[in-house]
Amino acid sequence: MTTEVRASHILVKTEQEAMDLYNEIKNGASFADLAAENSMCPSGRNGGDLGFFGKGMMVKPFEDAAFDLEVGEISQPVQTQFGWHLIQLTGKH
C-alpha cells in the first residue's frame, strides 16, 4: 500500500492557464521548465518538486489527485483554494 508519494506541481491562477500548460506538456514541453517559468508556488524554482508527502499533509483535492496518479503521470487541472494545479507524480512508497 502506498503511504507516501512524491510529486511536482505547477500552480497558476486560472483553469485556462492550467489547460494551456497541460497541452504544452502533452506536446513535449518539460514539466520542470514550465514549473520554473509559470508556477506561483516557490517550489517552481525546483521544477515544482514538493518532495514526499503522506495523506493529510496537502489539501484534500490535491492529495486525492496525487494519490490517484501513477509514477510519471500528469493530472488534468486540479482546483484548490490556492488556484489551479497540474500535478506530476514522481515517486511512491
PDB file of N, CA and C in Angstrom:
ATOM      1  N   MET A   1       0.838  -1.196   0.000  1.00  0.00           N
ATOM      2  CA  MET A   1       0.000   0.000   0.000  1.00  0.00           C
ATOM      3  C   MET A   1       0.882   1.259   0.000  1.00  0.00           C
ATOM      4  N   THR A   2       0.508   2.216  -0.805  1.00  0.00           N
ATOM      5  CA  THR A   2       1.257   3.461  -0.895  1.00  0.00           C
ATOM      6  C   THR A   2       0.987   4.314   0.338  1.00  0.00           C
ATOM      7  N   THR A   3       2.049   4.686   1.037  1.00  0.00           N
ATOM      8  CA  THR A   3       1.872   5.536   2.209  1.00  0.00           C
ATOM      9  C   THR A   3       2.344   6.963   1.943  1.00  0.00           C
ATOM     10  N   GLU A   4       3.252   7.124   0.980  1.00  0.00           N
ATOM     11  CA  GLU A   4       3.730   8.457   0.613  1.00  0.00           C
ATOM     12  C   GLU A   4       3.915   8.529  -0.889  1.00  0.00           C
ATOM     13  N   VAL A   5       3.719   9.723  -1.413  1.00  0.00           N
ATOM     14  CA  VAL A   5       4.003   9.973  -2.824  1.00  0.00           C
ATOM     15  C   VAL A   5       4.933  11.167  -2.925  1.00  0.00           C
ATOM     16  N   ARG A   6       5.644  11.237  -4.041  1.00  0.00           N
ATOM     17  CA  ARG A   6       6.469  12.404  -4.340  1.00  0.00           C
ATOM     18  C   ARG A   6       5.888  13.023  -5.596  1.00  0.00           C
ATOM     19  N   ALA A   7       5.667  14.314  -5.529  1.00  0.00           N
ATOM     20  CA  ALA A   7       5.034  14.983  -6.656  1.00  0.00           C
ATOM     21  C   ALA A   7       5.680  16.342  -6.905  1.00  0.00           C
ATOM     22  N   SER A   8       5.532  16.759  -8.148  1.00  0.00           N
ATOM     23  CA  SER A   8       5.854  18.121  -8.547  1.00  0.00           C
ATOM     24  C   SER A   8       4.558  18.752  -8.999  1.00  0.00           C
ATOM     25  N   HIS A   9       4.488  20.078  -8.918  1.00  0.00           N
ATOM     26  CA  HIS A   9       3.264  20.724  -9.388  1.00  0.00           C
ATOM     27  C   HIS A   9       3.575  22.080  -9.991  1.00  0.00           C
ATOM     28  N   ILE A  10       2.607  22.536 -10.757  1.00  0.00           N
ATOM     29  CA  ILE A  10       2.611  23.888 -11.303  1.00  0.00           C
ATOM     30  C   ILE A  10       1.323  24.525 -10.804  1.00  0.00           C
ATOM     31  N   LEU A  11       1.439  25.675 -10.164  1.00  0.00           N
ATOM     32  CA  LEU A  11       0.286  26.386  -9.614  1.00  0.00           C
ATOM     33  C   LEU A  11       0.068  27.674 -10.399  1.00  0.00           C
ATOM     34  N   VAL A  12      -1.135  27.819 -10.965  1.00  0.00           N
ATOM     35  CA  VAL A  12      -1.495  29.018 -11.719  1.00  0.00           C
ATOM     36  C   VAL A  12      -2.865  29.507 -11.259  1.00  0.00           C
ATOM     37  N   LYS A  13      -3.250  30.698 -11.725  1.00  0.00           N
ATOM     38  CA  LYS A  13      -4.492  31.322 -11.246  1.00  0.00           C
ATOM     39  C   LYS A  13      -5.753  30.777 -11.890  1.00  0.00           C
ATOM     40  N   THR A  14      -5.674  30.414 -13.181  1.00  0.00           N
ATOM     41  CA  THR A  14      -6.912  30.060 -13.886  1.00  0.00           C
ATOM     42  C   THR A  14      -6.859  28.651 -14.470  1.00  0.00           C
ATOM     43  N   GLU A  15      -8.033  28.092 -14.678  1.00  0.00           N
ATOM     44  CA  GLU A  15      -8.134  26.778 -15.302  1.00  0.00           C
ATOM     45  C   GLU A  15      -7.584  26.828 -16.731  1.00  0.00           C
ATOM     46  N   GLN A  16      -7.824  27.941 -17.427  1.00  0.00           N
ATOM     47  CA  GLN A  16      -7.330  28.063 -18.800  1.00  0.00           C
ATOM     48  C   GLN A  16      -5.807  28.030 -18.853  1.00  0.00           C
ATOM     49  N   GLU A  17      -5.155  28.739 -17.925  1.00  0.00           N
ATOM     50  CA  GLU A  17      -3.688  28.693 -17.864  1.00  0.00           C
ATOM     51  C   GLU A  17      -3.212  27.252 -17.643  1.00  0.00           C
ATOM     52  N   ALA A  18      -3.887  26.567 -16.717  1.00  0.00           N
ATOM     53  CA  ALA A  18      -3.508  25.186 -16.413  1.00  0.00           C
ATOM     54  C   ALA A  18      -3.691  24.288 -17.635  1.00  0.00           C
ATOM     55  N   MET A  19      -4.801  24.456 -18.353  1.00  0.00           N
ATOM     56  CA  MET A  19      -5.036  23.640 -19.548  1.00  0.00           C
ATOM     57  C   MET A  19      -4.008  23.934 -20.633  1.00  0.00           C
ATOM     58  N   ASP A  20      -3.659  25.211 -20.800  1.00  0.00           N
ATOM     59  CA  ASP A  20      -2.655  25.574 -21.798  1.00  0.00           C
ATOM     60  C   ASP A  20      -1.317  24.900 -21.479  1.00  0.00           C
ATOM     61  N   LEU A  21      -0.927  24.936 -20.209  1.00  0.00           N
ATOM     62  CA  LEU A  21       0.328  24.305 -19.795  1.00  0.00           C
ATOM     63  C   LEU A  21       0.243  22.782 -19.940  1.00  0.00           C
ATOM     64  N   TYR A  22      -0.900  22.206 -19.587  1.00  0.00           N
ATOM     65  CA  TYR A  22      -1.110  20.765 -19.723  1.00  0.00           C
ATOM     66  C   TYR A  22      -0.888  20.354 -21.179  1.00  0.00           C
ATOM     67  N   ASN A  23      -1.471  21.119 -22.099  1.00  0.00           N
ATOM     68  CA  ASN A  23      -1.327  20.810 -23.522  1.00  0.00           C
ATOM     69  C   ASN A  23       0.120  20.958 -23.983  1.00  0.00           C
ATOM     70  N   GLU A  24       0.827  21.959 -23.464  1.00  0.00           N
ATOM     71  CA  GLU A  24       2.248  22.122 -23.815  1.00  0.00           C
ATOM     72  C   GLU A  24       3.052  20.901 -23.361  1.00  0.00           C
ATOM     73  N   ILE A  25       2.772  20.423 -22.148  1.00  0.00           N
ATOM     74  CA  ILE A  25       3.475  19.252 -21.615  1.00  0.00           C
ATOM     75  C   ILE A  25       3.159  18.022 -22.466  1.00  0.00           C
ATOM     76  N   LYS A  26       1.893  17.851 -22.810  1.00  0.00           N
ATOM     77  CA  LYS A  26       1.498  16.701 -23.634  1.00  0.00           C
ATOM     78  C   LYS A  26       2.157  16.754 -25.013  1.00  0.00           C
ATOM     79  N   ASN A  27       2.518  17.950 -25.458  1.00  0.00           N
ATOM     80  CA  ASN A  27       3.188  18.110 -26.750  1.00  0.00           C
ATOM     81  C   ASN A  27       4.711  18.116 -26.627  1.00  0.00           C
ATOM     82  N   GLY A  28       5.230  17.732 -25.453  1.00  0.00           N
ATOM     83  CA  GLY A  28       6.662  17.539 -25.310  1.00  0.00           C
ATOM     84  C   GLY A  28       7.421  18.552 -24.473  1.00  0.00           C
ATOM     85  N   ALA A  29       6.756  19.597 -23.983  1.00  0.00           N
ATOM     86  CA  ALA A  29       7.446  20.580 -23.143  1.00  0.00           C
ATOM     87  C   ALA A  29       7.830  19.949 -21.801  1.00  0.00           C
ATOM     88  N   SER A  30       8.884  20.457 -21.207  1.00  0.00           N
ATOM     89  CA  SER A  30       9.372  19.958 -19.918  1.00  0.00           C
ATOM     90  C   SER A  30       8.496  20.476 -18.776  1.00  0.00           C
ATOM     91  N   PHE A  31       7.987  19.543 -17.959  1.00  0.00           N
ATOM     92  CA  PHE A  31       7.192  19.916 -16.788  1.00  0.00           C
ATOM     93  C   PHE A  31       8.002  20.837 -15.883  1.00  0.00           C
ATOM     94  N   ALA A  32       9.246  20.459 -15.604  1.00  0.00           N
ATOM     95  CA  ALA A  32      10.095  21.237 -14.691  1.00  0.00           C
ATOM     96  C   ALA A  32      10.355  22.636 -15.230  1.00  0.00           C
ATOM     97  N   ASP A  33      10.619  22.743 -16.530  1.00  0.00           N
ATOM     98  CA  ASP A  33      10.868  24.066 -17.112  1.00  0.00           C
ATOM     99  C   ASP A  33       9.621  24.941 -17.028  1.00  0.00           C
ATOM    100  N   LEU A  34       8.465  24.361 -17.331  1.00  0.00           N
ATOM    101  CA  LEU A  34       7.222  25.138 -17.252  1.00  0.00           C
ATOM    102  C   LEU A  34       6.903  25.529 -15.812  1.00  0.00           C
ATOM    103  N   ALA A  35       7.225  24.652 -14.861  1.00  0.00           N
ATOM    104  CA  ALA A  35       7.025  24.992 -13.448  1.00  0.00           C
ATOM    105  C   ALA A  35       7.894  26.185 -13.072  1.00  0.00           C
ATOM    106  N   ALA A  36       9.155  26.153 -13.480  1.00  0.00           N
ATOM    107  CA  ALA A  36      10.080  27.239 -13.152  1.00  0.00           C
ATOM    108  C   ALA A  36       9.618  28.563 -13.765  1.00  0.00           C
ATOM    109  N   GLU A  37       9.051  28.495 -14.956  1.00  0.00           N
ATOM    110  CA  GLU A  37       8.644  29.709 -15.665  1.00  0.00           C
ATOM    111  C   GLU A  37       7.271  30.233 -15.253  1.00  0.00           C
ATOM    112  N   ASN A  38       6.372  29.348 -14.808  1.00  0.00           N
ATOM    113  CA  ASN A  38       4.970  29.736 -14.650  1.00  0.00           C
ATOM    114  C   ASN A  38       4.364  29.570 -13.267  1.00  0.00           C
ATOM    115  N   SER A  39       4.929  28.713 -12.425  1.00  0.00           N
ATOM    116  CA  SER A  39       4.272  28.396 -11.157  1.00  0.00           C
ATOM    117  C   SER A  39       4.323  29.568 -10.180  1.00  0.00           C
ATOM    118  N   MET A  40       3.196  29.809  -9.503  1.00  0.00           N
ATOM    119  CA  MET A  40       3.119  30.833  -8.458  1.00  0.00           C
ATOM    120  C   MET A  40       3.683  30.319  -7.134  1.00  0.00           C
ATOM    121  N   CYS A  41       3.962  29.032  -7.046  1.00  0.00           N
ATOM    122  CA  CYS A  41       4.469  28.432  -5.814  1.00  0.00           C
ATOM    123  C   CYS A  41       5.991  28.542  -5.771  1.00  0.00           C
ATOM    124  N   PRO A  42       6.578  28.801  -4.604  1.00  0.00           N
ATOM    125  CA  PRO A  42       8.041  28.843  -4.506  1.00  0.00           C
ATOM    126  C   PRO A  42       8.717  27.558  -4.992  1.00  0.00           C
ATOM    127  N   SER A  43       7.997  26.437  -4.964  1.00  0.00           N
ATOM    128  CA  SER A  43       8.577  25.171  -5.435  1.00  0.00           C
ATOM    129  C   SER A  43       8.916  25.223  -6.921  1.00  0.00           C
ATOM    130  N   GLY A  44       8.365  26.179  -7.654  1.00  0.00           N
ATOM    131  CA  GLY A  44       8.660  26.317  -9.077  1.00  0.00           C
ATOM    132  C   GLY A  44      10.150  26.442  -9.344  1.00  0.00           C
ATOM    133  N   ARG A  45      10.871  27.069  -8.425  1.00  0.00           N
ATOM    134  CA  ARG A  45      12.321  27.218  -8.577  1.00  0.00           C
ATOM    135  C   ARG A  45      13.016  25.862  -8.651  1.00  0.00           C
ATOM    136  N   ASN A  46      12.383  24.848  -8.062  1.00  0.00           N
ATOM    137  CA  ASN A  46      12.934  23.490  -8.064  1.00  0.00           C
ATOM    138  C   ASN A  46      12.190  22.605  -9.053  1.00  0.00           C
ATOM    139  N   GLY A  47      11.668  23.190 -10.104  1.00  0.00           N
ATOM    140  CA  GLY A  47      10.920  22.415 -11.088  1.00  0.00           C
ATOM    141  C   GLY A  47       9.574  21.945 -10.572  1.00  0.00           C
ATOM    142  N   GLY A  48       9.109  22.565  -9.488  1.00  0.00           N
ATOM    143  CA  GLY A  48       7.812  22.212  -8.907  1.00  0.00           C
ATOM    144  C   GLY A  48       7.866  21.101  -7.888  1.00  0.00           C
ATOM    145  N   ASP A  49       9.065  20.587  -7.575  1.00  0.00           N
ATOM    146  CA  ASP A  49       9.193  19.429  -6.682  1.00  0.00           C
ATOM    147  C   ASP A  49       8.738  19.760  -5.269  1.00  0.00           C
ATOM    148  N   LEU A  50       7.806  18.944  -4.763  1.00  0.00           N
ATOM    149  CA  LEU A  50       7.309  19.095  -3.397  1.00  0.00           C
ATOM    150  C   LEU A  50       7.891  18.045  -2.455  1.00  0.00           C
ATOM    151  N   GLY A  51       8.676  17.125  -2.983  1.00  0.00           N
ATOM    152  CA  GLY A  51       9.213  16.048  -2.162  1.00  0.00           C
ATOM    153  C   GLY A  51       8.133  15.019  -1.833  1.00  0.00           C
ATOM    154  N   PHE A  52       8.455  14.122  -0.890  1.00  0.00           N
ATOM    155  CA  PHE A  52       7.499  13.102  -0.473  1.00  0.00           C
ATOM    156  C   PHE A  52       6.538  13.671   0.558  1.00  0.00           C
ATOM    157  N   PHE A  53       5.287  13.233   0.489  1.00  0.00           N
ATOM    158  CA  PHE A  53       4.294  13.611   1.498  1.00  0.00           C
ATOM    159  C   PHE A  53       3.289  12.489   1.661  1.00  0.00           C
ATOM    160  N   GLY A  54       2.722  12.434   2.853  1.00  0.00           N
ATOM    161  CA  GLY A  54       1.717  11.416   3.156  1.00  0.00           C
ATOM    162  C   GLY A  54       0.324  12.004   3.154  1.00  0.00           C
ATOM    163  N   LYS A  55      -0.646  11.151   3.412  1.00  0.00           N
ATOM    164  CA  LYS A  55      -2.032  11.595   3.478  1.00  0.00           C
ATOM    165  C   LYS A  55      -2.190  12.566   4.641  1.00  0.00           C
ATOM    166  N   GLY A  56      -2.999  13.587   4.417  1.00  0.00           N
ATOM    167  CA  GLY A  56      -3.257  14.578   5.446  1.00  0.00           C
ATOM    168  C   GLY A  56      -2.287  15.745   5.448  1.00  0.00           C
ATOM    169  N   MET A  57      -1.303  15.728   4.550  1.00  0.00           N
ATOM    170  CA  MET A  57      -0.307  16.799   4.528  1.00  0.00           C
ATOM    171  C   MET A  57      -0.610  17.885   3.494  1.00  0.00           C
ATOM    172  N   MET A  58      -1.478  17.579   2.536  1.00  0.00           N
ATOM    173  CA  MET A  58      -1.849  18.533   1.495  1.00  0.00           C
ATOM    174  C   MET A  58      -3.367  18.731   1.532  1.00  0.00           C
ATOM    175  N   VAL A  59      -3.840  19.796   0.890  1.00  0.00           N
ATOM    176  CA  VAL A  59      -5.281  19.990   0.830  1.00  0.00           C
ATOM    177  C   VAL A  59      -5.905  18.806   0.086  1.00  0.00           C
ATOM    178  N   LYS A  60      -7.131  18.455   0.467  1.00  0.00           N
ATOM    179  CA  LYS A  60      -7.743  17.208   0.004  1.00  0.00           C
ATOM    180  C   LYS A  60      -7.809  17.056  -1.514  1.00  0.00           C
ATOM    181  N   PRO A  61      -8.271  18.045  -2.289  1.00  0.00           N
ATOM    182  CA  PRO A  61      -8.332  17.817  -3.747  1.00  0.00           C
ATOM    183  C   PRO A  61      -6.956  17.520  -4.350  1.00  0.00           C
ATOM    184  N   PHE A  62      -5.934  18.198  -3.845  1.00  0.00           N
ATOM    185  CA  PHE A  62      -4.565  17.968  -4.328  1.00  0.00           C
ATOM    186  C   PHE A  62      -4.109  16.571  -3.938  1.00  0.00           C
ATOM    187  N   GLU A  63      -4.298  16.225  -2.677  1.00  0.00           N
ATOM    188  CA  GLU A  63      -3.890  14.909  -2.183  1.00  0.00           C
ATOM    189  C   GLU A  63      -4.590  13.791  -2.948  1.00  0.00           C
ATOM    190  N   ASP A  64      -5.898  13.915  -3.128  1.00  0.00           N
ATOM    191  CA  ASP A  64      -6.654  12.870  -3.832  1.00  0.00           C
ATOM    192  C   ASP A  64      -6.112  12.671  -5.237  1.00  0.00           C
ATOM    193  N   ALA A  65      -5.861  13.766  -5.948  1.00  0.00           N
ATOM    194  CA  ALA A  65      -5.343  13.672  -7.314  1.00  0.00           C
ATOM    195  C   ALA A  65      -3.958  13.038  -7.326  1.00  0.00           C
ATOM    196  N   ALA A  66      -3.088  13.465  -6.418  1.00  0.00           N
ATOM    197  CA  ALA A  66      -1.716  12.949  -6.384  1.00  0.00           C
ATOM    198  C   ALA A  66      -1.702  11.446  -6.103  1.00  0.00           C
ATOM    199  N   PHE A  67      -2.501  10.998  -5.143  1.00  0.00           N
ATOM    200  CA  PHE A  67      -2.503   9.585  -4.778  1.00  0.00           C
ATOM    201  C   PHE A  67      -3.171   8.711  -5.836  1.00  0.00           C
ATOM    202  N   ASP A  68      -3.956   9.306  -6.734  1.00  0.00           N
ATOM    203  CA  ASP A  68      -4.601   8.555  -7.813  1.00  0.00           C
ATOM    204  C   ASP A  68      -3.701   8.375  -9.033  1.00  0.00           C
ATOM    205  N   LEU A  69      -2.610   9.123  -9.109  1.00  0.00           N
ATOM    206  CA  LEU A  69      -1.727   9.062 -10.278  1.00  0.00           C
ATOM    207  C   LEU A  69      -0.752   7.894 -10.184  1.00  0.00           C
ATOM    208  N   GLU A  70      -0.268   7.464 -11.349  1.00  0.00           N
ATOM    209  CA  GLU A  70       0.843   6.519 -11.424  1.00  0.00           C
ATOM    210  C   GLU A  70       2.118   7.332 -11.635  1.00  0.00           C
ATOM    211  N   VAL A  71       3.262   6.779 -11.255  1.00  0.00           N
ATOM    212  CA  VAL A  71       4.533   7.478 -11.408  1.00  0.00           C
ATOM    213  C   VAL A  71       4.725   7.864 -12.881  1.00  0.00           C
ATOM    214  N   GLY A  72       5.067   9.139 -13.087  1.00  0.00           N
ATOM    215  CA  GLY A  72       5.273   9.674 -14.420  1.00  0.00           C
ATOM    216  C   GLY A  72       4.036  10.311 -15.019  1.00  0.00           C
ATOM    217  N   GLU A  73       2.878  10.027 -14.440  1.00  0.00           N
ATOM    218  CA  GLU A  73       1.621  10.562 -14.963  1.00  0.00           C
ATOM    219  C   GLU A  73       1.415  12.007 -14.520  1.00  0.00           C
ATOM    220  N   ILE A  74       0.697  12.773 -15.355  1.00  0.00           N
ATOM    221  CA  ILE A  74       0.386  14.171 -15.066  1.00  0.00           C
ATOM    222  C   ILE A  74      -1.124  14.327 -15.000  1.00  0.00           C
ATOM    223  N   SER A  75      -1.583  15.010 -13.971  1.00  0.00           N
ATOM    224  CA  SER A  75      -3.020  15.198 -13.770  1.00  0.00           C
ATOM    225  C   SER A  75      -3.598  16.224 -14.742  1.00  0.00           C
ATOM    226  N   GLN A  76      -4.893  16.124 -14.940  1.00  0.00           N
ATOM    227  CA  GLN A  76      -5.653  17.223 -15.510  1.00  0.00           C
ATOM    228  C   GLN A  76      -5.616  18.339 -14.462  1.00  0.00           C
ATOM    229  N   PRO A  77      -6.007  19.573 -14.792  1.00  0.00           N
ATOM    230  CA  PRO A  77      -6.016  20.641 -13.789  1.00  0.00           C
ATOM    231  C   PRO A  77      -6.874  20.289 -12.569  1.00  0.00           C
ATOM    232  N   VAL A  78      -6.343  20.604 -11.396  1.00  0.00           N
ATOM    233  CA  VAL A  78      -6.999  20.338 -10.114  1.00  0.00           C
ATOM    234  C   VAL A  78      -7.161  21.671  -9.397  1.00  0.00           C
ATOM    235  N   GLN A  79      -8.397  21.983  -8.980  1.00  0.00           N
ATOM    236  CA  GLN A  79      -8.642  23.248  -8.296  1.00  0.00           C
ATOM    237  C   GLN A  79      -8.577  23.079  -6.786  1.00  0.00           C
ATOM    238  N   THR A  80      -7.851  24.010  -6.131  1.00  0.00           N
ATOM    239  CA  THR A  80      -7.851  24.120  -4.673  1.00  0.00           C
ATOM    240  C   THR A  80      -8.069  25.588  -4.334  1.00  0.00           C
ATOM    241  N   GLN A  81      -8.083  25.892  -3.054  1.00  0.00           N
ATOM    242  CA  GLN A  81      -8.246  27.297  -2.653  1.00  0.00           C
ATOM    243  C   GLN A  81      -7.057  28.154  -3.066  1.00  0.00           C
ATOM    244  N   PHE A  82      -5.943  27.523  -3.462  1.00  0.00           N
ATOM    245  CA  PHE A  82      -4.741  28.257  -3.860  1.00  0.00           C
ATOM    246  C   PHE A  82      -4.723  28.610  -5.344  1.00  0.00           C
ATOM    247  N   GLY A  83      -5.516  27.910  -6.130  1.00  0.00           N
ATOM    248  CA  GLY A  83      -5.542  28.125  -7.572  1.00  0.00           C
ATOM    249  C   GLY A  83      -5.704  26.797  -8.282  1.00  0.00           C
ATOM    250  N   TRP A  84      -5.120  26.713  -9.470  1.00  0.00           N
ATOM    251  CA  TRP A  84      -5.211  25.513 -10.310  1.00  0.00           C
ATOM    252  C   TRP A  84      -3.840  24.862 -10.406  1.00  0.00           C
ATOM    253  N   HIS A  85      -3.813  23.552 -10.174  1.00  0.00           N
ATOM    254  CA  HIS A  85      -2.562  22.788 -10.152  1.00  0.00           C
ATOM    255  C   HIS A  85      -2.521  21.780 -11.293  1.00  0.00           C
ATOM    256  N   LEU A  86      -1.332  21.595 -11.841  1.00  0.00           N
ATOM    257  CA  LEU A  86      -1.008  20.399 -12.611  1.00  0.00           C
ATOM    258  C   LEU A  86      -0.063  19.614 -11.716  1.00  0.00           C
ATOM    259  N   ILE A  87      -0.307  18.338 -11.572  1.00  0.00           N
ATOM    260  CA  ILE A  87       0.484  17.509 -10.655  1.00  0.00           C
ATOM    261  C   ILE A  87       1.160  16.407 -11.457  1.00  0.00           C
ATOM    262  N   GLN A  88       2.453  16.251 -11.245  1.00  0.00           N
ATOM    263  CA  GLN A  88       3.196  15.144 -11.850  1.00  0.00           C
ATOM    264  C   GLN A  88       3.688  14.258 -10.724  1.00  0.00           C
ATOM    265  N   LEU A  89       3.295  12.991 -10.758  1.00  0.00           N
ATOM    266  CA  LEU A  89       3.761  12.054  -9.737  1.00  0.00           C
ATOM    267  C   LEU A  89       5.158  11.576 -10.120  1.00  0.00           C
ATOM    268  N   THR A  90       6.098  11.721  -9.198  1.00  0.00           N
ATOM    269  CA  THR A  90       7.480  11.350  -9.486  1.00  0.00           C
ATOM    270  C   THR A  90       7.969  10.183  -8.646  1.00  0.00           C
ATOM    271  N   GLY A  91       7.184   9.743  -7.665  1.00  0.00           N
ATOM    272  CA  GLY A  91       7.590   8.601  -6.860  1.00  0.00           C
ATOM    273  C   GLY A  91       6.503   8.190  -5.891  1.00  0.00           C
ATOM    274  N   LYS A  92       6.614   6.960  -5.421  1.00  0.00           N
ATOM    275  CA  LYS A  92       5.705   6.488  -4.361  1.00  0.00           C
ATOM    276  C   LYS A  92       6.369   5.365  -3.600  1.00  0.00           C
ATOM    277  N   HIS A  93       6.035   5.292  -2.335  1.00  0.00           N
ATOM    278  CA  HIS A  93       6.483   4.159  -1.495  1.00  0.00           C
ATOM    279  C   HIS A  93       5.555   3.988  -0.322  1.00  0.00           C
TER     280      HIS A  93
END
